[in-house]
């Protein structure tokens, strides 16, 4: 399952890494936008298969940030 950015901003902090198991609503990463920190949560339980962004990277709404399986 692809986890997409819901807002334009920059990746402030990555909380989970490839191979980590996550539960629904675990914070995967935090996006900073308009001086606010917006957590990106896992939509379901699973395992992080891929992290497609790096801290400090700019992202646009709809960009795939993390892939869960």
PDB file of N, CA and C in Angstrom:
ATOM      1  N   UNK A   1       0.833  -1.171   0.000  1.00  0.00           N
ATOM      2  CA  UNK A   1       0.000   0.000   0.000  1.00  0.00           C
ATOM      3  C   UNK A   1       0.884   1.242   0.000  1.00  0.00           C
ATOM      4  N   UNK A   2       0.591   2.146  -0.905  1.00  0.00           N
ATOM      5  CA  UNK A   2       1.328   3.405  -0.978  1.00  0.00           C
ATOM      6  C   UNK A   2       0.755   4.399   0.028  1.00  0.00           C
ATOM      7  N   UNK A   3       1.631   5.062   0.764  1.00  0.00           N
ATOM      8  CA  UNK A   3       1.228   6.126   1.679  1.00  0.00           C
ATOM      9  C   UNK A   3       1.667   7.429   1.031  1.00  0.00           C
ATOM     10  N   UNK A   4       0.695   8.290   0.738  1.00  0.00           N
ATOM     11  CA  UNK A   4       0.962   9.520  -0.003  1.00  0.00           C
ATOM     12  C   UNK A   4       0.938  10.750   0.895  1.00  0.00           C
ATOM     13  N   UNK A   5       1.618  11.792   0.438  1.00  0.00           N
ATOM     14  CA  UNK A   5       1.582  13.083   1.126  1.00  0.00           C
ATOM     15  C   UNK A   5       0.199  13.691   0.943  1.00  0.00           C
ATOM     16  N   UNK A   6      -0.378  14.202   2.015  1.00  0.00           N
ATOM     17  CA  UNK A   6      -1.677  14.849   1.949  1.00  0.00           C
ATOM     18  C   UNK A   6      -1.559  16.368   1.842  1.00  0.00           C
ATOM     19  N   UNK A   7      -0.310  16.846   1.899  1.00  0.00           N
ATOM     20  CA  UNK A   7      -0.049  18.283   1.872  1.00  0.00           C
ATOM     21  C   UNK A   7       1.353  18.528   1.304  1.00  0.00           C
ATOM     22  N   UNK A   8       1.556  19.682   0.712  1.00  0.00           N
ATOM     23  CA  UNK A   8       2.870  20.077   0.219  1.00  0.00           C
ATOM     24  C   UNK A   8       3.706  20.587   1.387  1.00  0.00           C
ATOM     25  N   UNK A   9       4.967  20.180   1.430  1.00  0.00           N
ATOM     26  CA  UNK A   9       5.854  20.619   2.500  1.00  0.00           C
ATOM     27  C   UNK A   9       7.208  19.973   2.359  1.00  0.00           C
ATOM     28  N   UNK A  10       7.916  19.823   3.482  1.00  0.00           N
ATOM     29  CA  UNK A  10       9.201  19.134   3.459  1.00  0.00           C
ATOM     30  C   UNK A  10       9.217  18.083   4.575  1.00  0.00           C
ATOM     31  N   UNK A  11       9.940  17.007   4.321  1.00  0.00           N
ATOM     32  CA  UNK A  11      10.035  15.922   5.295  1.00  0.00           C
ATOM     33  C   UNK A  11      10.906  16.414   6.441  1.00  0.00           C
ATOM     34  N   UNK A  12      10.317  16.518   7.613  1.00  0.00           N
ATOM     35  CA  UNK A  12      11.031  17.021   8.780  1.00  0.00           C
ATOM     36  C   UNK A  12      11.744  15.879   9.501  1.00  0.00           C
ATOM     37  N   UNK A  13      11.040  14.747   9.703  1.00  0.00           N
ATOM     38  CA  UNK A  13      11.641  13.623  10.413  1.00  0.00           C
ATOM     39  C   UNK A  13      11.013  12.317   9.960  1.00  0.00           C
ATOM     40  N   UNK A  14      11.857  11.313   9.728  1.00  0.00           N
ATOM     41  CA  UNK A  14      11.390   9.969   9.385  1.00  0.00           C
ATOM     42  C   UNK A  14      11.406   9.136  10.662  1.00  0.00           C
ATOM     43  N   UNK A  15      10.248   8.608  11.030  1.00  0.00           N
ATOM     44  CA  UNK A  15      10.092   7.854  12.279  1.00  0.00           C
ATOM     45  C   UNK A  15      10.306   6.350  12.106  1.00  0.00           C
ATOM     46  N   UNK A  16       9.985   5.809  10.936  1.00  0.00           N
ATOM     47  CA  UNK A  16      10.068   4.356  10.697  1.00  0.00           C
ATOM     48  C   UNK A  16      11.007   4.090   9.530  1.00  0.00           C
ATOM     49  N   UNK A  17      11.682   2.943   9.588  1.00  0.00           N
ATOM     50  CA  UNK A  17      12.648   2.555   8.560  1.00  0.00           C
ATOM     51  C   UNK A  17      12.201   1.268   7.869  1.00  0.00           C
ATOM     52  N   UNK A  18      12.845   0.942   6.760  1.00  0.00           N
ATOM     53  CA  UNK A  18      12.550  -0.292   6.030  1.00  0.00           C
ATOM     54  C   UNK A  18      12.687  -1.482   6.973  1.00  0.00           C
ATOM     55  N   UNK A  19      11.689  -2.344   6.941  1.00  0.00           N
ATOM     56  CA  UNK A  19      11.693  -3.542   7.774  1.00  0.00           C
ATOM     57  C   UNK A  19      10.919  -3.385   9.072  1.00  0.00           C
ATOM     58  N   UNK A  20      10.640  -2.151   9.479  1.00  0.00           N
ATOM     59  CA  UNK A  20       9.888  -1.919  10.717  1.00  0.00           C
ATOM     60  C   UNK A  20       8.444  -2.392  10.553  1.00  0.00           C
ATOM     61  N   UNK A  21       7.918  -3.031  11.595  1.00  0.00           N
ATOM     62  CA  UNK A  21       6.502  -3.389  11.643  1.00  0.00           C
ATOM     63  C   UNK A  21       5.753  -2.195  12.213  1.00  0.00           C
ATOM     64  N   UNK A  22       4.589  -1.905  11.652  1.00  0.00           N
ATOM     65  CA  UNK A  22       3.785  -0.788  12.126  1.00  0.00           C
ATOM     66  C   UNK A  22       2.348  -1.238  12.345  1.00  0.00           C
ATOM     67  N   UNK A  23       1.696  -0.536  13.244  1.00  0.00           N
ATOM     68  CA  UNK A  23       0.274  -0.739  13.488  1.00  0.00           C
ATOM     69  C   UNK A  23      -0.483   0.432  12.858  1.00  0.00           C
ATOM     70  N   UNK A  24      -1.764   0.250  12.631  1.00  0.00           N
ATOM     71  CA  UNK A  24      -2.583   1.322  12.105  1.00  0.00           C
ATOM     72  C   UNK A  24      -2.445   2.556  12.997  1.00  0.00           C
ATOM     73  N   UNK A  25      -2.268   3.705  12.379  1.00  0.00           N
ATOM     74  CA  UNK A  25      -2.126   5.011  13.016  1.00  0.00           C
ATOM     75  C   UNK A  25      -0.754   5.274  13.634  1.00  0.00           C
ATOM     76  N   UNK A  26       0.220   4.343  13.488  1.00  0.00           N
ATOM     77  CA  UNK A  26       1.601   4.663  13.889  1.00  0.00           C
ATOM     78  C   UNK A  26       2.116   5.796  13.000  1.00  0.00           C
ATOM     79  N   UNK A  27       2.895   6.702  13.573  1.00  0.00           N
ATOM     80  CA  UNK A  27       3.462   7.805  12.793  1.00  0.00           C
ATOM     81  C   UNK A  27       4.646   7.277  11.982  1.00  0.00           C
ATOM     82  N   UNK A  28       4.581   7.443  10.667  1.00  0.00           N
ATOM     83  CA  UNK A  28       5.647   7.000   9.764  1.00  0.00           C
ATOM     84  C   UNK A  28       6.697   8.094   9.584  1.00  0.00           C
ATOM     85  N   UNK A  29       6.229   9.313   9.415  1.00  0.00           N
ATOM     86  CA  UNK A  29       7.125  10.453   9.253  1.00  0.00           C
ATOM     87  C   UNK A  29       6.361  11.725   9.545  1.00  0.00           C
ATOM     88  N   UNK A  30       7.088  12.821   9.614  1.00  0.00           N
ATOM     89  CA  UNK A  30       6.476  14.114   9.911  1.00  0.00           C
ATOM     90  C   UNK A  30       6.847  15.082   8.789  1.00  0.00           C
ATOM     91  N   UNK A  31       5.819  15.760   8.271  1.00  0.00           N
ATOM     92  CA  UNK A  31       6.015  16.773   7.236  1.00  0.00           C
ATOM     93  C   UNK A  31       5.851  18.142   7.882  1.00  0.00           C
ATOM     94  N   UNK A  32       6.756  19.050   7.529  1.00  0.00           N
ATOM     95  CA  UNK A  32       6.640  20.431   7.991  1.00  0.00           C
ATOM     96  C   UNK A  32       6.057  21.258   6.845  1.00  0.00           C
ATOM     97  N   UNK A  33       4.982  21.962   7.156  1.00  0.00           N
ATOM     98  CA  UNK A  33       4.327  22.796   6.151  1.00  0.00           C
ATOM     99  C   UNK A  33       3.746  24.017   6.846  1.00  0.00           C
ATOM    100  N   UNK A  34       4.045  25.190   6.336  1.00  0.00           N
ATOM    101  CA  UNK A  34       3.540  26.442   6.903  1.00  0.00           C
ATOM    102  C   UNK A  34       3.840  26.542   8.402  1.00  0.00           C
ATOM    103  N   UNK A  35       5.047  26.124   8.772  1.00  0.00           N
ATOM    104  CA  UNK A  35       5.536  26.168  10.161  1.00  0.00           C
ATOM    105  C   UNK A  35       4.743  25.270  11.109  1.00  0.00           C
ATOM    106  N   UNK A  36       4.039  24.289  10.541  1.00  0.00           N
ATOM    107  CA  UNK A  36       3.322  23.293  11.342  1.00  0.00           C
ATOM    108  C   UNK A  36       3.916  21.917  11.058  1.00  0.00           C
ATOM    109  N   UNK A  37       3.913  21.061  12.055  1.00  0.00           N
ATOM    110  CA  UNK A  37       4.389  19.684  11.888  1.00  0.00           C
ATOM    111  C   UNK A  37       3.173  18.776  11.745  1.00  0.00           C
ATOM    112  N   UNK A  38       3.095  18.093  10.606  1.00  0.00           N
ATOM    113  CA  UNK A  38       1.951  17.241  10.302  1.00  0.00           C
ATOM    114  C   UNK A  38       2.408  15.783  10.267  1.00  0.00           C
ATOM    115  N   UNK A  39       1.921  14.947  11.198  1.00  0.00           N
ATOM    116  CA  UNK A  39       2.311  13.537  11.186  1.00  0.00           C
ATOM    117  C   UNK A  39       1.614  12.786  10.049  1.00  0.00           C
ATOM    118  N   UNK A  40       2.359  11.892   9.427  1.00  0.00           N
ATOM    119  CA  UNK A  40       1.797  11.004   8.410  1.00  0.00           C
ATOM    120  C   UNK A  40       1.693   9.631   9.058  1.00  0.00           C
ATOM    121  N   UNK A  41       0.457   9.138   9.196  1.00  0.00           N
ATOM    122  CA  UNK A  41       0.213   7.890   9.911  1.00  0.00           C
ATOM    123  C   UNK A  41      -0.002   6.723   8.959  1.00  0.00           C
ATOM    124  N   UNK A  42       0.289   5.523   9.459  1.00  0.00           N
ATOM    125  CA  UNK A  42       0.039   4.302   8.695  1.00  0.00           C
ATOM    126  C   UNK A  42      -1.469   4.090   8.595  1.00  0.00           C
ATOM    127  N   UNK A  43      -1.982   3.862   7.380  1.00  0.00           N
ATOM    128  CA  UNK A  43      -3.418   3.640   7.226  1.00  0.00           C
ATOM    129  C   UNK A  43      -3.861   2.245   7.674  1.00  0.00           C
ATOM    130  N   UNK A  44      -2.875   1.353   7.837  1.00  0.00           N
ATOM    131  CA  UNK A  44      -3.165  -0.022   8.250  1.00  0.00           C
ATOM    132  C   UNK A  44      -1.896  -0.628   8.857  1.00  0.00           C
ATOM    133  N   UNK A  45      -2.067  -1.765   9.509  1.00  0.00           N
ATOM    134  CA  UNK A  45      -0.905  -2.477  10.045  1.00  0.00           C
ATOM    135  C   UNK A  45      -0.126  -3.096   8.885  1.00  0.00           C
ATOM    136  N   UNK A  46       1.180  -3.261   9.070  1.00  0.00           N
ATOM    137  CA  UNK A  46       1.997  -3.881   8.032  1.00  0.00           C
ATOM    138  C   UNK A  46       3.473  -3.708   8.322  1.00  0.00           C
ATOM    139  N   UNK A  47       4.260  -3.842   7.274  1.00  0.00           N
ATOM    140  CA  UNK A  47       5.701  -3.695   7.387  1.00  0.00           C
ATOM    141  C   UNK A  47       6.168  -2.676   6.355  1.00  0.00           C
ATOM    142  N   UNK A  48       7.110  -1.827   6.765  1.00  0.00           N
ATOM    143  CA  UNK A  48       7.643  -0.822   5.849  1.00  0.00           C
ATOM    144  C   UNK A  48       8.520  -1.533   4.815  1.00  0.00           C
ATOM    145  N   UNK A  49       8.084  -1.463   3.568  1.00  0.00           N
ATOM    146  CA  UNK A  49       8.820  -2.100   2.469  1.00  0.00           C
ATOM    147  C   UNK A  49       9.797  -1.122   1.825  1.00  0.00           C
ATOM    148  N   UNK A  50       9.401   0.151   1.772  1.00  0.00           N
ATOM    149  CA  UNK A  50      10.234   1.144   1.093  1.00  0.00           C
ATOM    150  C   UNK A  50       9.935   2.529   1.667  1.00  0.00           C
ATOM    151  N   UNK A  51      10.977   3.333   1.860  1.00  0.00           N
ATOM    152  CA  UNK A  51      10.835   4.746   2.219  1.00  0.00           C
ATOM    153  C   UNK A  51      11.376   5.514   1.023  1.00  0.00           C
ATOM    154  N   UNK A  52      10.518   6.275   0.366  1.00  0.00           N
ATOM    155  CA  UNK A  52      10.889   6.927  -0.893  1.00  0.00           C
ATOM    156  C   UNK A  52      11.338   8.378  -0.740  1.00  0.00           C
ATOM    157  N   UNK A  53      11.471   8.836   0.495  1.00  0.00           N
ATOM    158  CA  UNK A  53      11.882  10.227   0.730  1.00  0.00           C
ATOM    159  C   UNK A  53      13.015  10.267   1.744  1.00  0.00           C
ATOM    160  N   UNK A  54      13.655  11.412   1.837  1.00  0.00           N
ATOM    161  CA  UNK A  54      14.728  11.635   2.817  1.00  0.00           C
ATOM    162  C   UNK A  54      14.382  12.869   3.634  1.00  0.00           C
ATOM    163  N   UNK A  55      14.917  12.949   4.842  1.00  0.00           N
ATOM    164  CA  UNK A  55      14.697  14.126   5.670  1.00  0.00           C
ATOM    165  C   UNK A  55      15.198  15.364   4.928  1.00  0.00           C
ATOM    166  N   UNK A  56      14.402  16.416   4.973  1.00  0.00           N
ATOM    167  CA  UNK A  56      14.745  17.657   4.288  1.00  0.00           C
ATOM    168  C   UNK A  56      14.214  17.748   2.870  1.00  0.00           C
ATOM    169  N   UNK A  57      13.736  16.647   2.323  1.00  0.00           N
ATOM    170  CA  UNK A  57      13.247  16.622   0.951  1.00  0.00           C
ATOM    171  C   UNK A  57      11.888  17.299   0.844  1.00  0.00           C
ATOM    172  N   UNK A  58      11.698  18.088  -0.206  1.00  0.00           N
ATOM    173  CA  UNK A  58      10.396  18.704  -0.473  1.00  0.00           C
ATOM    174  C   UNK A  58       9.479  17.670  -1.111  1.00  0.00           C
ATOM    175  N   UNK A  59       8.203  17.706  -0.721  1.00  0.00           N
ATOM    176  CA  UNK A  59       7.206  16.790  -1.286  1.00  0.00           C
ATOM    177  C   UNK A  59       5.970  17.573  -1.687  1.00  0.00           C
ATOM    178  N   UNK A  60       5.273  17.055  -2.657  1.00  0.00           N
ATOM    179  CA  UNK A  60       4.022  17.637  -3.142  1.00  0.00           C
ATOM    180  C   UNK A  60       2.869  16.730  -2.738  1.00  0.00           C
ATOM    181  N   UNK A  61       1.692  17.296  -2.620  1.00  0.00           N
ATOM    182  CA  UNK A  61       0.508  16.499  -2.321  1.00  0.00           C
ATOM    183  C   UNK A  61       0.375  15.384  -3.353  1.00  0.00           C
ATOM    184  N   UNK A  62       0.191  14.149  -2.897  1.00  0.00           N
ATOM    185  CA  UNK A  62       0.050  12.999  -3.781  1.00  0.00           C
ATOM    186  C   UNK A  62       1.332  12.208  -3.999  1.00  0.00           C
ATOM    187  N   UNK A  63       2.489  12.767  -3.608  1.00  0.00           N
ATOM    188  CA  UNK A  63       3.746  12.024  -3.742  1.00  0.00           C
ATOM    189  C   UNK A  63       3.710  10.794  -2.838  1.00  0.00           C
ATOM    190  N   UNK A  64       4.235   9.676  -3.327  1.00  0.00           N
ATOM    191  CA  UNK A  64       4.322   8.462  -2.509  1.00  0.00           C
ATOM    192  C   UNK A  64       5.518   8.618  -1.576  1.00  0.00           C
ATOM    193  N   UNK A  65       5.263   8.506  -0.272  1.00  0.00           N
ATOM    194  CA  UNK A  65       6.298   8.684   0.739  1.00  0.00           C
ATOM    195  C   UNK A  65       6.854   7.359   1.213  1.00  0.00           C
ATOM    196  N   UNK A  66       5.942   6.425   1.500  1.00  0.00           N
ATOM    197  CA  UNK A  66       6.299   5.129   2.081  1.00  0.00           C
ATOM    198  C   UNK A  66       5.444   4.052   1.424  1.00  0.00           C
ATOM    199  N   UNK A  67       6.024   2.858   1.265  1.00  0.00           N
ATOM    200  CA  UNK A  67       5.277   1.707   0.769  1.00  0.00           C
ATOM    201  C   UNK A  67       5.204   0.686   1.884  1.00  0.00           C
ATOM    202  N   UNK A  68       3.976   0.267   2.227  1.00  0.00           N
ATOM    203  CA  UNK A  68       3.742  -0.778   3.240  1.00  0.00           C
ATOM    204  C   UNK A  68       3.318  -2.051   2.546  1.00  0.00           C
ATOM    205  N   UNK A  69       3.642  -3.179   3.183  1.00  0.00           N
ATOM    206  CA  UNK A  69       3.109  -4.452   2.671  1.00  0.00           C
ATOM    207  C   UNK A  69       2.555  -5.245   3.812  1.00  0.00           C
TER     208      UNK A  69
END
